[in-house]
N, C-alpha and C. Protein backbone atom coordinates (compact mmCIF):
# COMPACT_ATOMS: atom_id res chain seq x y z
N UNK A 1 35.62 71.16 12.12
CA UNK A 1 34.70 72.31 12.21
C UNK A 1 33.14 71.92 12.40
N UNK A 2 32.99 70.92 11.61
CA UNK A 2 31.33 70.90 11.51
C UNK A 2 30.90 70.32 13.02
N UNK A 3 31.68 69.16 13.74
CA UNK A 3 31.42 69.09 14.65
C UNK A 3 31.06 69.92 16.01
N UNK A 4 31.99 71.29 15.58
CA UNK A 4 32.07 72.47 16.64
C UNK A 4 31.05 73.17 16.54
N UNK A 5 30.21 73.30 15.06
CA UNK A 5 29.14 73.97 14.84
C UNK A 5 28.02 72.94 15.19
N UNK A 6 27.41 72.16 14.92
CA UNK A 6 26.82 71.26 15.95
C UNK A 6 26.48 71.27 17.04
N UNK A 7 27.72 71.29 18.05
CA UNK A 7 27.85 71.50 19.70
C UNK A 7 27.26 73.15 19.92
N UNK A 8 27.79 73.45 19.19
CA UNK A 8 27.30 75.26 19.50
C UNK A 8 25.73 75.22 19.20
N UNK A 9 25.35 74.71 18.13
CA UNK A 9 23.82 74.55 18.08
C UNK A 9 23.03 74.51 18.96
N UNK A 10 23.39 73.22 19.26
CA UNK A 10 22.73 72.40 20.54
C UNK A 10 22.89 73.16 22.03
N UNK A 11 23.46 73.96 22.13
CA UNK A 11 23.66 74.73 23.58
C UNK A 11 22.68 75.99 22.86
N UNK A 12 22.88 76.69 21.57
CA UNK A 12 21.70 77.94 21.42
C UNK A 12 20.40 77.00 21.91
N UNK A 13 19.84 75.93 21.37
CA UNK A 13 18.62 75.22 21.41
C UNK A 13 18.32 74.99 22.46
N UNK A 14 19.23 74.85 23.46
CA UNK A 14 18.60 74.52 24.58
C UNK A 14 18.48 76.25 25.69
N UNK A 15 19.70 76.99 25.07
CA UNK A 15 19.88 78.13 25.73
C UNK A 15 17.92 78.57 26.08
N UNK A 16 17.57 78.71 23.95
CA UNK A 16 16.55 79.27 23.81
C UNK A 16 14.90 78.89 24.63
N UNK A 17 15.09 77.20 24.53
CA UNK A 17 13.84 76.27 24.96
C UNK A 17 13.94 76.54 26.60
N UNK A 18 15.15 76.64 27.13
CA UNK A 18 14.96 77.25 28.88
C UNK A 18 14.10 78.53 28.83
N UNK A 19 15.03 79.51 28.37
CA UNK A 19 14.70 80.97 28.36
C UNK A 19 12.76 81.15 27.99
N UNK A 20 12.31 80.09 27.27
CA UNK A 20 11.04 80.58 26.70
C UNK A 20 10.37 79.53 28.38
N UNK A 21 10.73 78.34 28.41
CA UNK A 21 10.01 78.35 30.00
C UNK A 21 9.94 79.38 30.39
N UNK A 22 11.23 79.66 31.22
CA UNK A 22 11.05 80.71 32.28
C UNK A 22 10.22 81.66 32.18
N UNK A 23 9.74 82.30 30.98
CA UNK A 23 8.94 83.56 30.60
C UNK A 23 7.44 82.75 30.04
N UNK A 24 7.22 81.51 30.26
CA UNK A 24 5.89 81.02 30.05
C UNK A 24 5.53 80.88 31.85
N UNK A 25 6.22 80.50 32.69
CA UNK A 25 6.30 80.25 34.20
C UNK A 25 5.66 81.34 34.60
N UNK A 26 7.16 82.17 34.57
CA UNK A 26 6.54 84.20 34.99
C UNK A 26 4.60 84.63 34.60
N UNK A 27 4.58 84.23 33.37
CA UNK A 27 3.36 84.95 32.77
C UNK A 27 2.04 84.03 33.67
N UNK A 28 2.76 82.67 33.59
CA UNK A 28 0.96 82.15 34.22
C UNK A 28 0.68 81.59 35.39
N UNK A 29 -0.83 81.87 36.26
CA UNK A 29 -1.27 81.99 36.89
C UNK A 29 -1.76 80.50 37.82
N UNK A 30 -0.92 81.13 38.83
CA UNK A 30 -1.31 79.26 39.24
C UNK A 30 -2.18 79.34 40.36
N UNK A 31 -3.02 78.35 40.18
CA UNK A 31 -4.11 78.56 41.30
C UNK A 31 -4.23 77.55 41.95
N UNK A 32 -4.05 78.10 43.51
CA UNK A 32 -4.53 76.70 44.58
C UNK A 32 -5.70 76.51 45.37
N UNK A 33 -6.09 75.13 45.23
CA UNK A 33 -7.51 74.82 45.58
C UNK A 33 -6.86 74.08 47.36
N UNK A 34 -7.63 75.05 48.18
CA UNK A 34 -7.40 74.90 49.61
C UNK A 34 -8.69 74.12 50.15
N UNK A 35 -8.74 72.68 50.63
CA UNK A 35 -9.64 72.05 50.95
C UNK A 35 -10.60 72.52 51.88
N UNK A 36 -11.91 72.65 51.95
CA UNK A 36 -13.09 72.83 52.54
C UNK A 36 -12.88 72.57 54.22
N UNK A 37 -13.28 73.12 55.05
CA UNK A 37 -12.91 72.86 56.42
C UNK A 37 -14.37 72.31 56.75
N UNK A 38 -14.54 71.27 57.15
CA UNK A 38 -15.69 70.78 57.93
C UNK A 38 -16.20 71.32 59.24
N UNK A 39 -15.24 71.93 59.59
CA UNK A 39 -15.85 71.99 61.00
C UNK A 39 -15.28 73.80 61.52
N UNK A 40 -15.67 74.40 62.50
CA UNK A 40 -15.80 75.80 62.69
C UNK A 40 -14.82 75.65 63.90
N UNK A 41 -13.58 77.34 63.05
CA UNK A 41 -12.61 77.38 63.69
C UNK A 41 -13.18 78.78 64.78
N UNK A 42 -13.05 78.38 65.76
CA UNK A 42 -13.04 79.77 66.88
C UNK A 42 -12.11 79.88 67.67
N UNK A 43 -11.77 81.45 67.38
CA UNK A 43 -10.12 82.21 67.33
C UNK A 43 -10.21 82.65 69.05
N UNK A 44 -9.24 82.40 69.77
CA UNK A 44 -9.29 83.45 70.89
C UNK A 44 -7.90 84.75 70.84
N UNK A 45 -8.31 85.69 71.05
CA UNK A 45 -7.29 86.67 70.86
C UNK A 45 -6.25 86.55 72.10
N UNK A 46 -5.35 87.52 71.94
CA UNK A 46 -4.64 87.66 73.07
C UNK A 46 -5.20 88.70 74.46
N UNK A 47 -4.46 88.97 74.89
CA UNK A 47 -5.02 90.21 76.47
C UNK A 47 -5.29 90.77 76.04
N UNK A 48 -4.36 91.55 74.85
CA UNK A 48 -4.45 93.27 74.21
C UNK A 48 -5.64 93.08 73.52
N UNK A 49 -6.27 91.92 72.32
CA UNK A 49 -7.13 91.89 71.69
C UNK A 49 -8.12 91.40 71.93
N UNK A 50 -8.91 93.16 72.00
CA UNK A 50 -10.05 92.75 72.86
C UNK A 50 -11.12 91.88 72.01
N UNK A 51 -11.43 92.61 70.95
CA UNK A 51 -12.56 92.16 69.97
C UNK A 51 -12.57 90.38 69.86
N UNK A 52 -11.17 89.77 69.56
CA UNK A 52 -11.40 88.83 69.34
C UNK A 52 -11.92 87.77 70.41
N UNK A 53 -10.89 87.94 72.22
CA UNK A 53 -11.72 87.80 73.02
C UNK A 53 -13.34 87.67 73.34
N UNK A 54 -13.36 88.81 73.09
CA UNK A 54 -15.43 89.07 72.99
C UNK A 54 -15.94 88.11 72.17
N UNK A 55 -15.56 87.69 70.96
CA UNK A 55 -15.87 86.51 69.67
C UNK A 55 -15.81 85.67 70.25
N UNK A 56 -14.59 85.15 70.26
CA UNK A 56 -14.62 83.57 71.47
C UNK A 56 -15.45 83.76 72.19
N UNK A 57 -15.91 84.62 73.45
CA UNK A 57 -16.74 84.09 74.07
C UNK A 57 -17.84 84.17 73.76
N UNK A 58 -18.42 84.91 72.96
CA UNK A 58 -19.73 84.77 72.25
C UNK A 58 -19.92 83.52 71.93
N UNK A 59 -19.45 82.90 71.39
CA UNK A 59 -19.01 81.29 70.24
C UNK A 59 -19.10 80.75 71.37
N UNK A 60 -19.05 80.63 72.64
CA UNK A 60 -19.11 79.55 73.77
C UNK A 60 -20.06 79.92 74.71
N UNK A 61 -20.51 81.16 74.53
CA UNK A 61 -22.13 81.07 75.59
C UNK A 61 -23.02 80.43 74.40
N UNK A 62 -23.00 80.78 72.94
CA UNK A 62 -23.85 80.41 72.07
C UNK A 62 -24.38 78.74 72.47
N UNK A 63 -22.91 78.16 72.11
CA UNK A 63 -23.15 76.84 73.06
C UNK A 63 -23.63 75.98 73.67
N UNK A 64 -23.15 76.83 75.18
CA UNK A 64 -23.79 76.47 75.98
C UNK A 64 -25.13 76.75 75.92
N UNK A 65 -25.94 77.71 75.55
CA UNK A 65 -27.61 77.97 75.41
C UNK A 65 -28.33 76.66 74.85
N UNK A 66 -27.17 76.29 73.20
CA UNK A 66 -27.78 75.19 73.05
C UNK A 66 -28.01 73.78 73.87
N UNK A 67 -26.86 73.87 74.16
CA UNK A 67 -26.59 72.48 75.46
C UNK A 67 -27.59 72.56 76.64
N UNK A 68 -27.53 73.30 76.72
CA UNK A 68 -29.09 74.10 77.81
C UNK A 68 -30.61 74.24 77.37
N UNK A 69 -30.55 74.07 76.07
CA UNK A 69 -32.06 73.80 75.89
C UNK A 69 -32.36 72.72 75.24
N UNK A 70 -31.39 72.07 74.85
CA UNK A 70 -31.53 70.24 74.16
C UNK A 70 -31.72 69.76 76.11
N UNK A 71 -30.73 70.06 76.95
CA UNK A 71 -31.09 69.11 78.27
C UNK A 71 -32.72 69.54 79.06
N UNK A 72 -32.91 71.09 78.70
CA UNK A 72 -34.22 71.41 79.56
C UNK A 72 -35.73 70.64 78.78
N UNK A 73 -34.91 70.00 76.84
CA UNK A 73 -36.04 69.39 76.67
C UNK A 73 -36.03 67.78 76.35
N UNK A 74 -34.80 67.60 76.63
CA UNK A 74 -34.89 66.04 77.36
C UNK A 74 -35.48 65.90 78.83
N UNK A 75 -35.19 67.06 79.27
CA UNK A 75 -35.95 66.95 80.94
C UNK A 75 -37.71 66.89 80.73
N UNK A 76 -38.51 67.45 79.85
CA UNK A 76 -39.90 67.50 80.14
C UNK A 76 -40.46 66.24 79.31
N UNK A 77 -39.63 65.66 78.40
CA UNK A 77 -39.85 64.27 77.67
C UNK A 77 -40.71 63.21 79.36
N UNK A 78 -41.76 62.36 79.24
CA UNK A 78 -41.90 61.70 80.71
C UNK A 78 -41.82 60.18 79.76
N UNK A 79 -41.45 59.78 80.73
CA UNK A 79 -40.81 58.37 80.71
C UNK A 79 -41.66 57.59 81.49
N UNK A 80 -42.72 56.70 80.49
CA UNK A 80 -43.47 55.89 81.56
C UNK A 80 -42.88 54.65 81.98
N UNK A 81 -42.76 53.96 83.20
CA UNK A 81 -42.14 53.04 83.79
C UNK A 81 -42.95 52.13 83.91
N UNK A 82 -42.92 51.15 82.97
CA UNK A 82 -44.03 49.33 82.90
C UNK A 82 -44.50 49.04 84.14
N UNK A 83 -45.43 48.89 84.22
CA UNK A 83 -46.21 47.75 85.71
C UNK A 83 -45.74 46.63 85.31
N UNK A 84 -45.07 46.12 86.70
CA UNK A 84 -44.76 44.74 86.68
C UNK A 84 -46.26 44.03 87.72
N UNK A 85 -47.03 43.51 87.27
CA UNK A 85 -47.78 42.85 87.87
C UNK A 85 -47.18 41.75 88.78
N UNK A 86 -47.40 41.08 90.19
CA UNK A 86 -47.04 41.15 91.05
C UNK A 86 -47.67 39.40 90.85
N UNK A 87 -47.32 38.53 90.65
CA UNK A 87 -48.30 37.20 90.46
C UNK A 87 -47.80 35.88 91.04
N UNK A 88 -47.04 36.54 92.21
CA UNK A 88 -46.84 35.44 93.32
C UNK A 88 -47.64 35.82 94.62
N UNK A 89 -48.14 36.62 94.43
CA UNK A 89 -49.01 37.07 95.72
C UNK A 89 -49.92 36.04 96.54
N UNK A 90 -50.85 34.94 95.23
CA UNK A 90 -51.80 34.16 95.60
C UNK A 90 -50.75 32.94 96.24
N UNK A 91 -49.69 32.96 95.47
CA UNK A 91 -49.16 31.39 96.00
C UNK A 91 -48.55 31.88 97.34
N UNK A 92 -47.83 33.00 97.72
CA UNK A 92 -47.07 33.21 99.11
C UNK A 92 -48.31 33.10 100.16
N UNK A 93 -49.31 33.80 99.80
CA UNK A 93 -50.99 33.66 100.87
C UNK A 93 -50.94 31.93 101.24
N UNK A 94 -51.37 31.63 99.90
CA UNK A 94 -51.56 30.18 100.37
C UNK A 94 -50.72 29.24 100.99
N UNK A 95 -49.41 29.37 100.72
CA UNK A 95 -48.16 28.70 101.54
C UNK A 95 -48.28 28.93 102.51
N UNK A 96 -48.05 30.59 103.32
CA UNK A 96 -48.23 30.77 104.41
C UNK A 96 -49.93 30.24 105.03
N UNK A 97 -50.37 30.25 104.50
CA UNK A 97 -51.98 30.05 105.24
C UNK A 97 -51.69 28.62 105.47
N UNK A 98 -51.62 27.69 104.63
CA UNK A 98 -51.13 25.85 105.00
C UNK A 98 -49.54 25.76 105.93
N UNK A 99 -49.05 26.45 105.84
CA UNK A 99 -47.95 26.43 106.74
C UNK A 99 -48.33 27.13 108.37
N UNK A 100 -49.38 27.65 108.48
CA UNK A 100 -49.86 28.20 110.19
C UNK A 100 -50.71 27.38 110.12
N UNK A 101 -51.32 26.17 109.40
CA UNK A 101 -52.52 25.59 109.69
C UNK A 101 -52.24 24.25 110.17
N UNK A 102 -50.51 23.97 109.71
CA UNK A 102 -50.11 22.65 110.47
C UNK A 102 -49.61 22.79 111.65
N UNK A 103 -50.40 22.11 112.31
CA UNK A 103 -50.24 22.16 113.86
C UNK A 103 -49.29 21.57 114.07
N UNK A 104 -48.12 22.12 114.73
CA UNK A 104 -46.52 22.07 115.38
C UNK A 104 -46.68 21.25 116.71
N UNK A 105 -46.23 19.85 117.21
CA UNK A 105 -46.73 19.18 118.24
C UNK A 105 -45.10 19.21 119.16
N UNK A 106 -44.80 19.96 119.79
CA UNK A 106 -43.71 19.79 120.53
C UNK A 106 -43.64 18.56 121.65
N UNK A 107 -42.73 17.45 121.80
CA UNK A 107 -42.32 16.86 123.02
C UNK A 107 -42.98 17.23 124.17
N UNK A 108 -43.66 16.46 124.95
CA UNK A 108 -44.17 16.68 125.97
C UNK A 108 -43.50 15.82 127.31
N UNK A 109 -43.57 16.12 128.55
CA UNK A 109 -43.29 15.53 129.37
C UNK A 109 -43.69 14.26 129.81
N UNK A 110 -43.47 13.55 131.01
CA UNK A 110 -44.22 11.75 131.17
C UNK A 110 -45.30 11.95 132.23
N UNK A 111 -46.40 11.17 130.71
CA UNK A 111 -48.02 11.11 131.46
C UNK A 111 -47.77 10.33 132.93
N UNK A 112 -49.05 10.40 132.90
CA UNK A 112 -49.30 9.48 135.06
C UNK A 112 -49.56 8.40 134.45
N UNK A 113 -49.46 7.92 135.89
CA UNK A 113 -49.07 6.29 135.88
C UNK A 113 -50.29 5.72 135.23
N UNK A 114 -50.35 4.17 134.56
CA UNK A 114 -51.05 3.41 134.19
C UNK A 114 -51.58 3.38 132.40
N UNK A 115 -50.41 4.65 131.69
CA UNK A 115 -50.48 4.68 130.28
C UNK A 115 -50.02 3.56 129.86
N UNK A 116 -48.61 2.97 130.25
CA UNK A 116 -47.92 1.71 129.83
C UNK A 116 -46.46 2.93 129.23
N UNK A 117 -46.50 3.66 128.36
CA UNK A 117 -45.31 4.62 128.49
C UNK A 117 -46.08 6.15 128.66
N UNK A 118 -44.46 6.39 129.73
CA UNK A 118 -44.66 7.79 129.73
C UNK A 118 -43.91 8.44 129.67
N UNK A 119 -44.42 9.32 128.08
CA UNK A 119 -43.52 9.87 127.43
C UNK A 119 -42.07 9.10 126.20
N UNK A 120 -41.26 10.25 125.72
CA UNK A 120 -40.52 9.43 124.86
C UNK A 120 -39.27 10.89 125.00
N UNK A 121 -38.02 10.64 124.63
CA UNK A 121 -36.92 11.26 125.13
C UNK A 121 -36.12 11.06 123.43
N UNK A 122 -35.72 11.80 122.40
CA UNK A 122 -35.07 12.40 121.51
C UNK A 122 -33.46 12.67 121.52
N UNK A 123 -32.43 12.25 121.67
CA UNK A 123 -31.66 12.30 120.84
C UNK A 123 -31.09 12.75 119.77
N UNK A 124 -30.94 13.94 119.63
CA UNK A 124 -31.10 14.55 117.90
C UNK A 124 -29.65 14.28 117.11
N UNK A 125 -28.25 14.39 117.89
CA UNK A 125 -27.24 14.71 117.40
C UNK A 125 -26.77 15.77 117.31
N UNK A 126 -25.90 15.76 115.77
CA UNK A 126 -25.07 16.78 115.78
C UNK A 126 -25.44 17.93 114.44
N UNK A 127 -26.92 17.28 114.34
CA UNK A 127 -27.65 17.81 112.76
C UNK A 127 -28.75 18.79 112.50
N UNK A 128 -29.11 19.20 114.24
CA UNK A 128 -30.02 19.77 114.58
C UNK A 128 -31.09 19.40 114.65
N UNK A 129 -32.07 19.83 115.82
CA UNK A 129 -33.68 19.53 115.61
C UNK A 129 -34.42 19.63 114.83
N UNK A 130 -35.42 18.78 114.54
CA UNK A 130 -36.70 18.93 113.20
C UNK A 130 -38.00 18.69 114.22
N UNK A 131 -38.54 20.06 114.08
CA UNK A 131 -39.93 19.64 114.45
C UNK A 131 -40.90 18.56 114.43
N UNK A 132 -41.84 18.05 115.13
CA UNK A 132 -42.76 16.91 115.15
C UNK A 132 -44.14 17.86 114.97
N UNK A 133 -44.40 17.26 113.99
CA UNK A 133 -45.94 17.72 113.37
C UNK A 133 -47.10 16.83 113.55
N UNK A 134 -46.69 15.20 114.27
CA UNK A 134 -47.75 14.45 114.31
C UNK A 134 -46.85 13.19 115.14
N UNK A 135 -47.62 12.86 115.78
CA UNK A 135 -47.02 11.84 116.42
C UNK A 135 -48.20 10.53 117.65
N UNK A 136 -47.50 9.21 117.60
CA UNK A 136 -48.59 9.00 118.57
C UNK A 136 -47.84 7.67 119.52
N UNK A 137 -47.84 7.88 120.73
CA UNK A 137 -47.74 6.86 121.62
C UNK A 137 -47.83 5.24 121.55
N UNK A 138 -46.56 4.54 122.09
CA UNK A 138 -46.80 2.78 121.50
C UNK A 138 -47.90 2.31 122.88
N UNK A 139 -49.05 1.67 122.60
CA UNK A 139 -49.86 1.37 123.59
C UNK A 139 -48.85 0.24 123.75
N UNK A 140 -49.36 -0.51 125.23
CA UNK A 140 -48.76 -1.24 126.40
C UNK A 140 -49.29 -3.00 125.75
N UNK A 141 -48.54 -3.66 125.50
CA UNK A 141 -49.15 -4.62 124.78
C UNK A 141 -49.95 -5.79 125.76
N UNK A 142 -50.69 -6.26 125.80
CA UNK A 142 -51.25 -7.06 126.79
C UNK A 142 -50.66 -8.71 127.02
N UNK A 143 -50.38 -9.13 128.28
CA UNK A 143 -49.61 -10.09 128.53
C UNK A 143 -48.22 -9.94 129.00
N UNK A 144 -47.80 -8.88 128.60
CA UNK A 144 -46.57 -8.22 128.69
C UNK A 144 -46.56 -7.25 130.46
N UNK A 145 -45.44 -8.30 131.04
CA UNK A 145 -45.18 -7.09 132.52
C UNK A 145 -44.05 -7.14 132.87
N UNK A 146 -43.14 -6.26 132.01
CA UNK A 146 -41.94 -5.60 132.54
C UNK A 146 -41.91 -4.43 131.90
N UNK A 147 -40.92 -3.38 132.76
CA UNK A 147 -40.80 -2.11 132.85
C UNK A 147 -38.98 -2.15 132.05
N UNK A 148 -38.78 -1.51 130.76
CA UNK A 148 -37.78 -1.19 130.16
C UNK A 148 -38.00 -0.19 129.39
N UNK A 149 -36.66 0.66 129.48
CA UNK A 149 -36.59 1.78 128.25
C UNK A 149 -36.36 1.01 126.52
N UNK A 150 -37.31 1.26 125.14
CA UNK A 150 -36.70 0.83 124.41
C UNK A 150 -35.79 2.11 123.66
N UNK A 151 -35.03 1.58 123.21
CA UNK A 151 -34.24 2.74 122.17
C UNK A 151 -33.99 1.90 120.61
N UNK A 152 -34.31 3.15 120.11
CA UNK A 152 -34.61 3.07 118.60
C UNK A 152 -33.84 3.80 117.93
N UNK A 153 -32.98 3.23 116.86
CA UNK A 153 -32.39 4.71 116.11
C UNK A 153 -32.87 4.47 114.70
N UNK A 154 -33.75 5.53 114.46
CA UNK A 154 -33.99 5.86 113.59
C UNK A 154 -33.49 7.11 111.99
N UNK A 155 -34.06 7.29 110.78
CA UNK A 155 -33.56 8.15 110.17
C UNK A 155 -35.20 9.10 109.41
N UNK A 156 -34.94 10.20 109.33
CA UNK A 156 -35.86 11.50 109.14
C UNK A 156 -35.86 11.35 107.81
N UNK A 157 -36.20 11.05 107.10
CA UNK A 157 -36.22 11.34 105.56
C UNK A 157 -36.50 13.24 105.08
N UNK A 158 -36.12 13.54 103.96
CA UNK A 158 -36.09 14.99 103.61
C UNK A 158 -37.23 15.76 104.06
N UNK A 159 -38.93 14.18 103.40
CA UNK A 159 -40.20 14.84 103.17
C UNK A 159 -40.48 14.78 104.79
N UNK A 160 -39.50 14.62 105.55
CA UNK A 160 -40.03 14.21 107.24
C UNK A 160 -40.84 13.40 107.39
N UNK A 161 -41.25 12.20 106.66
CA UNK A 161 -41.74 10.65 107.28
C UNK A 161 -40.19 9.76 107.82
N UNK A 162 -40.61 8.88 108.17
CA UNK A 162 -39.80 8.23 108.92
C UNK A 162 -39.35 6.67 108.31
N UNK A 163 -37.63 6.79 107.73
CA UNK A 163 -37.60 5.74 107.22
C UNK A 163 -36.91 4.71 107.81
N UNK A 164 -35.56 3.98 108.08
CA UNK A 164 -35.56 2.75 108.92
C UNK A 164 -35.13 3.11 110.33
N UNK A 165 -35.54 1.83 110.67
CA UNK A 165 -35.60 2.29 112.42
C UNK A 165 -34.74 0.84 112.68
N UNK A 166 -33.94 0.90 113.61
CA UNK A 166 -33.04 -0.14 114.42
C UNK A 166 -32.64 -0.15 115.65
N UNK A 167 -33.59 -1.12 116.36
CA UNK A 167 -33.73 -1.46 117.56
C UNK A 167 -32.38 -1.81 118.30
N UNK A 168 -31.55 -0.35 119.24
CA UNK A 168 -30.53 -0.24 120.45
C UNK A 168 -30.40 -1.55 120.90
N UNK A 169 -31.40 -1.89 121.90
CA UNK A 169 -31.25 -2.88 123.10
C UNK A 169 -32.41 -3.71 122.77
N UNK A 170 -32.20 -5.43 123.18
CA UNK A 170 -32.26 -6.29 123.50
C UNK A 170 -33.76 -6.48 124.38
N UNK A 171 -35.02 -6.20 123.53
CA UNK A 171 -36.04 -6.28 124.56
C UNK A 171 -36.85 -7.50 124.61
N UNK A 172 -38.19 -6.98 125.32
CA UNK A 172 -39.24 -8.36 124.36
C UNK A 172 -39.51 -7.95 123.39
N UNK A 173 -39.97 -8.88 122.29
CA UNK A 173 -40.00 -8.54 121.04
C UNK A 173 -41.63 -7.69 120.87
N UNK A 174 -42.75 -7.98 121.86
CA UNK A 174 -43.74 -7.35 121.74
C UNK A 174 -43.57 -6.26 122.04
N UNK A 175 -42.64 -5.59 122.77
CA UNK A 175 -42.24 -4.08 123.21
C UNK A 175 -41.60 -3.20 121.80
N UNK A 176 -40.56 -3.99 120.99
CA UNK A 176 -39.97 -3.30 120.67
C UNK A 176 -41.06 -3.23 119.46
N UNK A 177 -41.38 -4.40 119.19
CA UNK A 177 -42.35 -4.11 117.95
C UNK A 177 -43.74 -2.73 117.70
N UNK A 178 -44.14 -2.89 119.17
CA UNK A 178 -45.45 -1.55 119.03
C UNK A 178 -44.53 -0.53 119.22
N UNK A 179 -43.42 -0.15 119.67
CA UNK A 179 -42.79 0.81 119.51
C UNK A 179 -42.62 1.34 118.31
N UNK A 180 -42.17 0.22 117.52
CA UNK A 180 -41.57 0.21 116.02
C UNK A 180 -42.87 0.76 115.29
N UNK A 181 -43.72 0.28 115.08
CA UNK A 181 -45.06 0.64 114.24
C UNK A 181 -45.55 1.74 114.71
N UNK A 182 -45.55 2.45 116.12
CA UNK A 182 -46.09 3.47 116.45
C UNK A 182 -44.94 4.86 115.82
N UNK A 183 -43.72 4.10 116.22
CA UNK A 183 -42.40 5.35 115.06
C UNK A 183 -43.15 5.36 114.16
N UNK A 184 -43.14 4.37 113.29
CA UNK A 184 -43.29 4.80 111.98
C UNK A 184 -44.91 5.62 111.57
N UNK A 185 -45.58 5.70 112.33
CA UNK A 185 -46.61 6.65 111.93
C UNK A 185 -46.24 8.43 112.39
N UNK A 186 -45.02 8.64 112.27
CA UNK A 186 -44.60 9.73 112.78
C UNK A 186 -44.33 10.92 111.68
N UNK A 187 -44.31 12.10 111.83
CA UNK A 187 -44.37 12.79 111.27
C UNK A 187 -43.49 14.36 111.05
N UNK A 188 -42.28 14.71 111.01
CA UNK A 188 -41.36 15.46 111.05
C UNK A 188 -41.41 16.75 110.20
N UNK A 189 -40.61 17.57 110.76
CA UNK A 189 -40.73 19.08 110.12
C UNK A 189 -40.13 18.71 108.71
N UNK A 190 -40.62 19.13 107.12
CA UNK A 190 -39.73 18.73 106.15
C UNK A 190 -38.65 19.51 105.95
N UNK A 191 -37.53 19.38 105.55
CA UNK A 191 -36.44 20.20 104.76
C UNK A 191 -36.69 21.23 103.69
N UNK A 192 -36.13 22.40 104.19
CA UNK A 192 -36.38 23.33 103.19
C UNK A 192 -35.70 23.38 101.83
N UNK A 193 -36.08 23.68 100.59
CA UNK A 193 -36.01 23.96 99.60
C UNK A 193 -34.77 23.74 99.45
N UNK A 194 -34.37 24.47 99.89
CA UNK A 194 -32.61 24.95 99.05
C UNK A 194 -31.91 24.39 100.44
N UNK A 195 -32.10 23.20 101.12
CA UNK A 195 -31.31 22.52 102.32
C UNK A 195 -30.85 21.25 101.05
N UNK A 196 -29.67 20.74 101.42
CA UNK A 196 -29.55 19.71 100.72
C UNK A 196 -30.30 18.68 101.75
N UNK A 197 -30.81 17.70 100.62
CA UNK A 197 -31.71 16.15 101.01
C UNK A 197 -30.84 15.66 101.40
N UNK A 198 -30.91 15.07 102.44
CA UNK A 198 -29.85 14.15 103.01
C UNK A 198 -30.47 13.12 104.01
N UNK A 199 -30.82 12.09 104.96
CA UNK A 199 -31.47 11.92 106.14
C UNK A 199 -30.61 12.35 107.35
N UNK A 200 -31.27 12.26 108.32
CA UNK A 200 -30.62 12.74 109.45
C UNK A 200 -31.45 11.60 110.44
N UNK A 201 -30.49 11.08 111.29
CA UNK A 201 -30.76 10.43 112.10
C UNK A 201 -30.83 10.51 113.67
N UNK A 202 -31.12 9.99 114.43
CA UNK A 202 -31.93 10.63 115.63
C UNK A 202 -31.86 9.33 116.75
N UNK A 203 -31.93 8.99 117.98
CA UNK A 203 -32.58 7.98 118.55
C UNK A 203 -33.49 8.60 119.49
N UNK A 204 -34.36 7.58 119.79
CA UNK A 204 -35.62 7.78 120.42
C UNK A 204 -35.88 6.84 121.68
N UNK A 205 -36.52 7.00 122.66
CA UNK A 205 -36.46 6.23 123.97
C UNK A 205 -37.84 6.34 124.59
N UNK A 206 -38.46 4.66 124.59
CA UNK A 206 -39.80 4.82 124.66
C UNK A 206 -39.96 4.10 126.17
N UNK A 207 -40.16 4.67 127.07
CA UNK A 207 -40.03 3.50 128.70
C UNK A 207 -41.07 3.47 129.06
N UNK A 208 -41.27 1.67 128.93
CA UNK A 208 -42.55 1.55 129.34
C UNK A 208 -42.08 1.03 130.92
N UNK A 209 -43.64 1.34 130.83
CA UNK A 209 -43.58 1.44 132.91
C UNK A 209 -44.90 0.73 133.03
N UNK A 210 -45.27 -0.02 134.23
CA UNK A 210 -46.30 -0.76 134.87
C UNK A 210 -47.15 0.12 135.95
N UNK A 211 -48.40 0.00 135.59
CA UNK A 211 -49.06 0.63 136.12
C UNK A 211 -49.07 0.61 137.81
């Protein structure tokens, strides 16, 4: 009997508690806070909603006007372009003047009789020709009465001077020495700065002729 009474009391307390909770929730006013939006909503109405469409068009027109005003303001700003001073004019003019002042001498034909050496001939090979800036023909040695062609193989250095010289024909020693000493004084066109610095080999012929 006591156990049943206790159970009924528990049920009654539970019913009263839940009923009171329902009444409290019914009369309680719940407030819901919505986050504030940091952007502007532009609504476009349907085809039949004329007022909403006009409002959307007005907003877009206002934005376009603001953008146009910003572009106009930017276009009015003057941009000053820095002036670059040409520091290479003097160097170019001096270099060009120096190049023009250098006398370029092209190989000539044979000279008249009685000069000893009647001109010269150069075989350049496959590395291209080099302009001759200065040259001297060998003199005919005294006491030598021979007519012979002296062939010399020589190298041209990148700066235009003559490097090694090798006789290709066996001839009179005086004639060979005269030709070699003369060839060492020759000066050719230097190689351009951007070109690879290598020696160029060629063959020159000095024809010795009697008067």
